[in-house]
PDB file of N, CA and C in Angstrom:
ATOM      1  N   ILE A   1     149.878  81.606 121.395  1.00  0.00           N
ATOM      2  CA  ILE A   1     149.747  81.088 120.069  1.00  0.00           C
ATOM      3  C   ILE A   1     150.968  81.987 119.257  1.00  0.00           C
ATOM      4  N   PRO A   2     151.731  81.397 118.294  1.00  0.00           N
ATOM      5  CA  PRO A   2     152.613  82.074 117.414  1.00  0.00           C
ATOM      6  C   PRO A   2     152.071  82.904 116.383  1.00  0.00           C
ATOM      7  N   THR A   3     152.083  84.096 116.511  1.00  0.00           N
ATOM      8  CA  THR A   3     151.623  85.063 115.325  1.00  0.00           C
ATOM      9  C   THR A   3     152.754  85.612 114.734  1.00  0.00           C
ATOM     10  N   LEU A   4     152.449  86.285 113.404  1.00  0.00           N
ATOM     11  CA  LEU A   4     153.284  87.077 112.622  1.00  0.00           C
ATOM     12  C   LEU A   4     154.193  87.986 113.373  1.00  0.00           C
ATOM     13  N   ASP A   5     153.435  88.463 114.754  1.00  0.00           N
ATOM     14  CA  ASP A   5     153.929  89.743 115.557  1.00  0.00           C
ATOM     15  C   ASP A   5     154.448  89.052 116.855  1.00  0.00           C
ATOM     16  N   GLY A   6     154.873  87.815 116.848  1.00  0.00           N
ATOM     17  CA  GLY A   6     155.238  87.167 118.048  1.00  0.00           C
ATOM     18  C   GLY A   6     153.996  86.469 118.772  1.00  0.00           C
ATOM     19  N   ASP A   7     154.432  85.798 119.770  1.00  0.00           N
ATOM     20  CA  ASP A   7     153.387  84.861 120.491  1.00  0.00           C
ATOM     21  C   ASP A   7     152.331  85.914 121.177  1.00  0.00           C
ATOM     22  N   ARG A   8     151.261  85.390 121.051  1.00  0.00           N
ATOM     23  CA  ARG A   8     149.836  85.917 121.767  1.00  0.00           C
ATOM     24  C   ARG A   8     149.344  85.171 122.584  1.00  0.00           C
ATOM     25  N   GLU A   9     148.568  85.543 123.894  1.00  0.00           N
ATOM     26  CA  GLU A   9     147.887  84.409 124.549  1.00  0.00           C
ATOM     27  C   GLU A   9     146.238  84.561 124.050  1.00  0.00           C
ATOM     28  N   LEU A  10     145.894  83.361 124.116  1.00  0.00           N
ATOM     29  CA  LEU A  10     144.417  82.941 123.262  1.00  0.00           C
ATOM     30  C   LEU A  10     143.670  82.403 124.722  1.00  0.00           C
ATOM     31  N   GLU A  11     142.674  82.980 124.955  1.00  0.00           N
ATOM     32  CA  GLU A  11     141.985  82.348 125.954  1.00  0.00           C
ATOM     33  C   GLU A  11     140.794  81.250 125.357  1.00  0.00           C
ATOM     34  N   ILE A  12     140.808  80.182 125.679  1.00  0.00           N
ATOM     35  CA  ILE A  12     139.900  79.196 125.080  1.00  0.00           C
ATOM     36  C   ILE A  12     139.107  78.849 126.088  1.00  0.00           C
ATOM     37  N   PRO A  13     137.491  79.076 125.820  1.00  0.00           N
ATOM     38  CA  PRO A  13     136.574  78.978 126.646  1.00  0.00           C
ATOM     39  C   PRO A  13     136.552  77.578 127.285  1.00  0.00           C
ATOM     40  N   ALA A  14     135.948  77.469 128.788  1.00  0.00           N
ATOM     41  CA  ALA A  14     135.992  75.943 129.117  1.00  0.00           C
ATOM     42  C   ALA A  14     134.818  75.265 128.030  1.00  0.00           C
ATOM     43  N   GLY A  15     135.014  73.902 127.975  1.00  0.00           N
ATOM     44  CA  GLY A  15     134.103  73.204 127.236  1.00  0.00           C
ATOM     45  C   GLY A  15     134.219  73.352 125.763  1.00  0.00           C
ATOM     46  N   THR A  16     135.237  74.255 125.383  1.00  0.00           N
ATOM     47  CA  THR A  16     135.517  73.923 123.914  1.00  0.00           C
ATOM     48  C   THR A  16     135.834  72.676 123.217  1.00  0.00           C
ATOM     49  N   SER A  17     135.195  72.415 122.351  1.00  0.00           N
ATOM     50  CA  SER A  17     135.412  71.146 121.617  1.00  0.00           C
ATOM     51  C   SER A  17     136.331  71.288 120.343  1.00  0.00           C
ATOM     52  N   SER A  18     137.009  70.097 119.948  1.00  0.00           N
ATOM     53  CA  SER A  18     137.657  69.815 118.884  1.00  0.00           C
ATOM     54  C   SER A  18     136.873  70.398 117.705  1.00  0.00           C
ATOM     55  N   GLY A  19     137.690  71.190 116.781  1.00  0.00           N
ATOM     56  CA  GLY A  19     136.944  71.583 115.434  1.00  0.00           C
ATOM     57  C   GLY A  19     136.526  72.978 115.680  1.00  0.00           C
ATOM     58  N   VAL A  20     136.244  73.457 116.729  1.00  0.00           N
ATOM     59  CA  VAL A  20     135.762  74.905 116.820  1.00  0.00           C
ATOM     60  C   VAL A  20     137.030  75.973 116.300  1.00  0.00           C
ATOM     61  N   VAL A  21     136.623  77.134 115.898  1.00  0.00           N
ATOM     62  CA  VAL A  21     137.599  77.860 115.043  1.00  0.00           C
ATOM     63  C   VAL A  21     137.343  79.218 115.949  1.00  0.00           C
ATOM     64  N   LEU A  22     138.567  79.678 116.587  1.00  0.00           N
ATOM     65  CA  LEU A  22     138.694  81.057 117.116  1.00  0.00           C
ATOM     66  C   LEU A  22     139.257  82.178 116.105  1.00  0.00           C
ATOM     67  N   THR A  23     139.081  83.217 116.428  1.00  0.00           N
ATOM     68  CA  THR A  23     139.554  84.081 115.611  1.00  0.00           C
ATOM     69  C   THR A  23     140.423  85.250 116.317  1.00  0.00           C
ATOM     70  N   LEU A  24     141.514  85.494 115.776  1.00  0.00           N
ATOM     71  CA  LEU A  24     142.314  86.650 116.140  1.00  0.00           C
ATOM     72  C   LEU A  24     142.082  87.981 115.275  1.00  0.00           C
ATOM     73  N   LYS A  25     141.477  88.903 115.336  1.00  0.00           N
ATOM     74  CA  LYS A  25     141.314  89.926 114.427  1.00  0.00           C
ATOM     75  C   LYS A  25     142.441  90.689 114.211  1.00  0.00           C
ATOM     76  N   GLY A  26     142.683  90.883 112.965  1.00  0.00           N
ATOM     77  CA  GLY A  26     143.868  91.895 112.498  1.00  0.00           C
ATOM     78  C   GLY A  26     145.175  91.319 112.456  1.00  0.00           C
ATOM     79  N   LEU A  27     145.220  89.961 113.088  1.00  0.00           N
ATOM     80  CA  LEU A  27     146.560  89.342 112.913  1.00  0.00           C
ATOM     81  C   LEU A  27     147.015  88.418 112.111  1.00  0.00           C
ATOM     82  N   GLY A  28     146.320  88.266 111.244  1.00  0.00           N
ATOM     83  CA  GLY A  28     146.567  87.299 109.810  1.00  0.00           C
ATOM     84  C   GLY A  28     147.461  88.202 109.042  1.00  0.00           C
ATOM     85  N   VAL A  29     147.435  87.607 107.778  1.00  0.00           N
ATOM     86  CA  VAL A  29     148.646  88.173 106.741  1.00  0.00           C
ATOM     87  C   VAL A  29     148.287  89.452 106.097  1.00  0.00           C
ATOM     88  N   ALA A  30     148.683  90.021 105.495  1.00  0.00           N
ATOM     89  CA  ALA A  30     148.412  91.531 105.005  1.00  0.00           C
ATOM     90  C   ALA A  30     147.453  91.124 103.724  1.00  0.00           C
ATOM     91  N   ARG A  31     146.694  92.162 103.387  1.00  0.00           N
ATOM     92  CA  ARG A  31     145.684  91.878 102.297  1.00  0.00           C
ATOM     93  C   ARG A  31     146.488  92.134 101.115  1.00  0.00           C
ATOM     94  N   LEU A  32     145.974  91.507 100.052  1.00  0.00           N
ATOM     95  CA  LEU A  32     146.597  91.607  98.681  1.00  0.00           C
ATOM     96  C   LEU A  32     146.202  93.056  98.255  1.00  0.00           C
ATOM     97  N   ARG A  33     144.938  93.391  98.135  1.00  0.00           N
ATOM     98  CA  ARG A  33     144.580  94.920  97.730  1.00  0.00           C
ATOM     99  C   ARG A  33     143.977  95.654  98.833  1.00  0.00           C
ATOM    100  N   GLY A  34     144.748  96.559  99.365  1.00  0.00           N
ATOM    101  CA  GLY A  34     144.245  97.484 100.486  1.00  0.00           C
ATOM    102  C   GLY A  34     144.934  97.529 101.695  1.00  0.00           C
ATOM    103  N   ASN A  35     144.494  98.148 102.510  1.00  0.00           N
ATOM    104  CA  ASN A  35     145.249  98.263 103.898  1.00  0.00           C
ATOM    105  C   ASN A  35     144.894  97.342 104.692  1.00  0.00           C
ATOM    106  N   GLY A  36     145.765  96.985 105.703  1.00  0.00           N
ATOM    107  CA  GLY A  36     145.361  96.202 107.066  1.00  0.00           C
ATOM    108  C   GLY A  36     145.859  94.724 106.552  1.00  0.00           C
ATOM    109  N   ARG A  37     145.368  93.962 107.640  1.00  0.00           N
ATOM    110  CA  ARG A  37     145.656  92.552 107.484  1.00  0.00           C
ATOM    111  C   ARG A  37     144.435  91.831 107.895  1.00  0.00           C
ATOM    112  N   GLY A  38     144.345  90.593 107.487  1.00  0.00           N
ATOM    113  CA  GLY A  38     143.221  89.859 107.543  1.00  0.00           C
ATOM    114  C   GLY A  38     143.410  89.302 109.177  1.00  0.00           C
ATOM    115  N   ASP A  39     142.223  88.420 109.379  1.00  0.00           N
ATOM    116  CA  ASP A  39     142.186  87.708 110.638  1.00  0.00           C
ATOM    117  C   ASP A  39     143.035  86.367 110.709  1.00  0.00           C
ATOM    118  N   MET A  40     143.637  85.892 111.870  1.00  0.00           N
ATOM    119  CA  MET A  40     144.111  84.686 111.900  1.00  0.00           C
ATOM    120  C   MET A  40     143.205  83.796 112.649  1.00  0.00           C
ATOM    121  N   ARG A  41     142.712  82.712 112.106  1.00  0.00           N
ATOM    122  CA  ARG A  41     141.981  81.618 112.311  1.00  0.00           C
ATOM    123  C   ARG A  41     142.603  80.517 113.160  1.00  0.00           C
ATOM    124  N   ILE A  42     142.186  80.007 114.298  1.00  0.00           N
ATOM    125  CA  ILE A  42     142.689  78.923 114.888  1.00  0.00           C
ATOM    126  C   ILE A  42     141.623  77.864 115.144  1.00  0.00           C
ATOM    127  N   THR A  43     142.020  76.703 114.571  1.00  0.00           N
ATOM    128  CA  THR A  43     141.272  75.423 115.025  1.00  0.00           C
ATOM    129  C   THR A  43     141.560  74.737 116.144  1.00  0.00           C
ATOM    130  N   VAL A  44     140.718  74.663 117.048  1.00  0.00           N
ATOM    131  CA  VAL A  44     141.023  73.774 118.273  1.00  0.00           C
ATOM    132  C   VAL A  44     141.131  72.453 117.896  1.00  0.00           C
ATOM    133  N   ALA A  45     142.127  71.725 118.675  1.00  0.00           N
ATOM    134  CA  ALA A  45     142.397  70.354 118.616  1.00  0.00           C
ATOM    135  C   ALA A  45     142.470  69.708 120.197  1.00  0.00           C
ATOM    136  N   VAL A  46     141.645  69.249 120.477  1.00  0.00           N
ATOM    137  CA  VAL A  46     141.570  68.627 121.801  1.00  0.00           C
ATOM    138  C   VAL A  46     142.231  67.218 121.832  1.00  0.00           C
ATOM    139  N   LYS A  47     142.885  67.094 122.652  1.00  0.00           N
ATOM    140  CA  LYS A  47     143.740  65.589 122.661  1.00  0.00           C
ATOM    141  C   LYS A  47     143.247  65.066 124.093  1.00  0.00           C
ATOM    142  N   THR A  48     142.919  63.962 123.867  1.00  0.00           N
ATOM    143  CA  THR A  48     142.423  63.239 125.269  1.00  0.00           C
ATOM    144  C   THR A  48     143.598  62.125 125.648  1.00  0.00           C
ATOM    145  N   PRO A  49     143.879  62.273 126.835  1.00  0.00           N
ATOM    146  CA  PRO A  49     145.109  61.257 127.469  1.00  0.00           C
ATOM    147  C   PRO A  49     144.647  59.752 126.996  1.00  0.00           C
ATOM    148  N   THR A  50     145.527  59.032 126.672  1.00  0.00           N
ATOM    149  CA  THR A  50     145.142  57.471 126.312  1.00  0.00           C
ATOM    150  C   THR A  50     145.839  56.563 127.312  1.00  0.00           C
ATOM    151  N   ASP A  51     146.880  57.220 128.080  1.00  0.00           N
ATOM    152  CA  ASP A  51     147.731  56.177 128.871  1.00  0.00           C
ATOM    153  C   ASP A  51     147.514  56.539 130.418  1.00  0.00           C
ATOM    154  N   LEU A  52     146.374  56.577 130.871  1.00  0.00           N
ATOM    155  CA  LEU A  52     146.066  56.779 132.228  1.00  0.00           C
ATOM    156  C   LEU A  52     146.500  55.783 133.197  1.00  0.00           C
ATOM    157  N   ASP A  53     147.000  56.047 134.234  1.00  0.00           N
ATOM    158  CA  ASP A  53     147.133  54.892 135.323  1.00  0.00           C
ATOM    159  C   ASP A  53     146.046  54.790 136.225  1.00  0.00           C
ATOM    160  N   GLU A  54     145.967  53.860 137.237  1.00  0.00           N
ATOM    161  CA  GLU A  54     144.911  53.524 137.869  1.00  0.00           C
ATOM    162  C   GLU A  54     144.509  54.681 138.800  1.00  0.00           C
ATOM    163  N   ARG A  55     145.454  55.560 139.408  1.00  0.00           N
ATOM    164  CA  ARG A  55     144.989  56.471 140.328  1.00  0.00           C
ATOM    165  C   ARG A  55     144.395  57.710 139.363  1.00  0.00           C
ATOM    166  N   GLN A  56     144.856  57.944 138.199  1.00  0.00           N
ATOM    167  CA  GLN A  56     144.351  58.963 137.386  1.00  0.00           C
ATOM    168  C   GLN A  56     142.873  58.656 136.909  1.00  0.00           C
ATOM    169  N   ARG A  57     142.547  57.373 136.647  1.00  0.00           N
ATOM    170  CA  ARG A  57     141.144  56.840 136.252  1.00  0.00           C
ATOM    171  C   ARG A  57     140.428  56.916 137.495  1.00  0.00           C
ATOM    172  N   GLU A  58     140.749  56.615 138.629  1.00  0.00           N
ATOM    173  CA  GLU A  58     140.074  56.935 139.965  1.00  0.00           C
ATOM    174  C   GLU A  58     139.622  58.465 140.170  1.00  0.00           C
ATOM    175  N   LEU A  59     140.561  59.215 139.864  1.00  0.00           N
ATOM    176  CA  LEU A  59     140.374  60.493 140.099  1.00  0.00           C
ATOM    177  C   LEU A  59     139.212  61.026 138.995  1.00  0.00           C
ATOM    178  N   LEU A  60     139.194  60.501 137.663  1.00  0.00           N
ATOM    179  CA  LEU A  60     138.166  60.944 136.838  1.00  0.00           C
ATOM    180  C   LEU A  60     136.793  60.303 137.421  1.00  0.00           C
ATOM    181  N   ARG A  61     136.749  59.286 137.807  1.00  0.00           N
ATOM    182  CA  ARG A  61     135.665  58.452 138.440  1.00  0.00           C
ATOM    183  C   ARG A  61     134.980  59.514 139.482  1.00  0.00           C
ATOM    184  N   GLU A  62     136.163  60.050 140.248  1.00  0.00           N
ATOM    185  CA  GLU A  62     135.664  60.724 141.443  1.00  0.00           C
ATOM    186  C   GLU A  62     134.979  62.145 140.794  1.00  0.00           C
ATOM    187  N   LEU A  63     135.525  62.771 139.610  1.00  0.00           N
ATOM    188  CA  LEU A  63     135.112  63.767 139.060  1.00  0.00           C
ATOM    189  C   LEU A  63     133.796  63.861 138.682  1.00  0.00           C
ATOM    190  N   ALA A  64     133.524  62.572 137.856  1.00  0.00           N
ATOM    191  CA  ALA A  64     132.253  62.217 137.467  1.00  0.00           C
ATOM    192  C   ALA A  64     131.327  62.075 138.162  1.00  0.00           C
ATOM    193  N   ASP A  65     131.430  61.752 139.489  1.00  0.00           N
ATOM    194  CA  ASP A  65     130.504  61.505 140.481  1.00  0.00           C
ATOM    195  C   ASP A  65     130.140  62.649 141.233  1.00  0.00           C
ATOM    196  N   LEU A  66     131.265  63.666 141.376  1.00  0.00           N
ATOM    197  CA  LEU A  66     130.923  64.844 141.792  1.00  0.00           C
ATOM    198  C   LEU A  66     129.895  65.825 140.933  1.00  0.00           C
ATOM    199  N   ARG A  67     130.075  65.675 139.487  1.00  0.00           N
ATOM    200  CA  ARG A  67     129.118  66.335 138.712  1.00  0.00           C
ATOM    201  C   ARG A  67     127.931  65.531 138.273  1.00  0.00           C
ATOM    202  N   GLY A  68     127.768  64.504 139.173  1.00  0.00           N
ATOM    203  CA  GLY A  68     126.653  63.685 138.841  1.00  0.00           C
ATOM    204  C   GLY A  68     126.427  63.050 137.544  1.00  0.00           C
ATOM    205  N   GLU A  69     127.516  62.742 137.015  1.00  0.00           N
ATOM    206  CA  GLU A  69     127.832  61.869 135.893  1.00  0.00           C
ATOM    207  C   GLU A  69     127.922  60.469 135.891  1.00  0.00           C
ATOM    208  N   SER A  70     127.975  59.763 135.139  1.00  0.00           N
ATOM    209  CA  SER A  70     128.461  58.251 135.319  1.00  0.00           C
ATOM    210  C   SER A  70     129.554  57.963 134.366  1.00  0.00           C
ATOM    211  N   VAL A  71     130.388  57.289 134.270  1.00  0.00           N
ATOM    212  CA  VAL A  71     131.484  57.073 133.592  1.00  0.00           C
ATOM    213  C   VAL A  71     131.809  55.416 133.467  1.00  0.00           C
ATOM    214  N   GLN A  72     131.868  54.748 132.625  1.00  0.00           N
ATOM    215  CA  GLN A  72     132.168  53.400 132.450  1.00  0.00           C
ATOM    216  C   GLN A  72     133.647  52.975 132.448  1.00  0.00           C
ATOM    217  N   ASP A  73     134.087  52.131 132.747  1.00  0.00           N
ATOM    218  CA  ASP A  73     135.707  51.666 132.825  1.00  0.00           C
ATOM    219  C   ASP A  73     135.943  51.677 131.412  1.00  0.00           C
ATOM    220  N   ALA A  74     135.165  51.590 130.454  1.00  0.00           N
ATOM    221  CA  ALA A  74     135.546  51.144 128.943  1.00  0.00           C
ATOM    222  C   ALA A  74     135.724  52.574 128.464  1.00  0.00           C
ATOM    223  N   GLN A  75     135.277  53.733 128.951  1.00  0.00           N
ATOM    224  CA  GLN A  75     135.365  54.941 128.768  1.00  0.00           C
ATOM    225  C   GLN A  75     136.590  55.523 129.187  1.00  0.00           C
ATOM    226  N   LEU A  76     137.162  54.993 130.189  1.00  0.00           N
ATOM    227  CA  LEU A  76     138.411  55.518 130.409  1.00  0.00           C
ATOM    228  C   LEU A  76     139.644  54.730 130.052  1.00  0.00           C
ATOM    229  N   ALA A  77     140.464  55.465 129.040  1.00  0.00           N
ATOM    230  CA  ALA A  77     141.515  54.686 128.515  1.00  0.00           C
ATOM    231  C   ALA A  77     142.263  53.903 129.363  1.00  0.00           C
ATOM    232  N   GLU A  78     142.393  52.528 128.926  1.00  0.00           N
ATOM    233  CA  GLU A  78     143.399  51.526 129.721  1.00  0.00           C
ATOM    234  C   GLU A  78     144.880  51.676 129.220  1.00  0.00           C
TER     235      GLU A  78
END
Protein backbone atom coordinates (compact mmCIF):
# COMPACT_ATOMS: atom_id res chain seq x y z
CA ILE A 1 0.00 0.00 0.00
CA PRO A 2 1.51 3.39 -0.88
CA THR A 3 1.69 5.68 2.17
CA LEU A 4 3.18 9.11 2.85
CA ASP A 5 6.31 7.30 4.07
CA GLY A 6 6.63 4.92 1.12
CA ASP A 7 5.14 1.53 0.40
CA ARG A 8 3.94 -0.62 3.31
CA GLU A 9 2.73 -4.19 3.37
CA LEU A 10 -0.83 -4.74 4.52
CA GLU A 11 -2.09 -8.20 5.39
CA ILE A 12 -5.69 -8.68 4.29
CA PRO A 13 -7.31 -11.55 6.20
CA ALA A 14 -8.78 -14.43 4.19
CA GLY A 15 -12.49 -13.97 3.56
CA THR A 16 -12.37 -10.18 3.69
CA SER A 17 -15.30 -8.70 1.75
CA SER A 18 -15.55 -5.56 -0.35
CA GLY A 19 -16.27 -2.48 1.72
CA VAL A 20 -14.31 -3.56 4.79
CA VAL A 21 -12.15 -0.73 6.13
CA LEU A 22 -8.65 -1.53 7.42
CA THR A 23 -6.57 0.93 9.45
CA LEU A 24 -2.85 1.70 9.48
CA LYS A 25 -2.31 3.50 12.81
CA GLY A 26 -0.28 6.71 12.66
CA LEU A 27 0.36 6.57 8.92
CA GLY A 28 -2.18 9.20 7.85
CA VAL A 29 -1.76 12.96 7.44
CA ALA A 30 -0.43 15.25 10.17
CA ARG A 31 -2.98 16.49 12.70
CA LEU A 32 -3.99 20.15 12.33
CA ARG A 33 -3.66 20.95 16.03
CA GLY A 34 -1.29 18.81 17.97
CA ASN A 35 1.43 16.30 17.56
CA GLY A 36 1.51 13.16 15.54
CA ARG A 37 -0.41 11.91 12.59
CA GLY A 38 -3.80 10.43 12.05
CA ASP A 39 -4.60 6.95 10.85
CA MET A 40 -4.69 5.85 7.23
CA ARG A 41 -7.90 4.04 6.38
CA ILE A 42 -8.05 1.63 3.45
CA THR A 43 -11.32 0.42 1.96
CA VAL A 44 -11.07 -3.06 0.44
CA ALA A 45 -12.46 -3.51 -3.08
CA VAL A 46 -12.62 -7.16 -4.14
CA LYS A 47 -12.66 -7.64 -7.91
CA THR A 48 -14.22 -10.80 -9.25
CA PRO A 49 -12.90 -12.09 -12.59
CA THR A 50 -15.49 -12.00 -15.35
CA ASP A 51 -13.63 -13.62 -18.23
CA LEU A 52 -12.95 -17.19 -17.07
CA ASP A 53 -12.15 -19.83 -19.64
CA GLU A 54 -13.58 -23.36 -19.44
CA ARG A 55 -10.56 -24.73 -17.51
CA GLN A 56 -10.81 -21.98 -14.91
CA ARG A 57 -14.56 -22.60 -14.48
CA GLU A 58 -13.86 -26.33 -14.03
CA LEU A 59 -11.25 -25.57 -11.36
CA LEU A 60 -13.78 -23.41 -9.50
CA ARG A 61 -16.31 -26.25 -9.67
CA GLU A 62 -13.67 -28.61 -8.22
CA LEU A 63 -12.89 -26.16 -5.42
CA ALA A 64 -16.57 -25.80 -4.56
CA ASP A 65 -16.90 -29.59 -4.51
CA LEU A 66 -13.89 -29.95 -2.17
CA ARG A 67 -15.43 -27.37 0.16
CA GLY A 68 -18.81 -29.11 0.10
CA GLU A 69 -20.40 -26.16 -1.65
CA SER A 70 -22.44 -26.02 -4.80
CA VAL A 71 -21.97 -23.66 -7.68
CA GLN A 72 -24.24 -23.21 -10.66
CA ASP A 73 -22.86 -22.56 -14.13
CA ALA A 74 -24.79 -19.28 -14.13
CA GLN A 75 -22.72 -18.19 -11.10
CA LEU A 76 -19.49 -18.64 -13.04
CA ALA A 77 -18.87 -15.74 -15.38
CA GLU A 78 -19.10 -16.80 -19.00
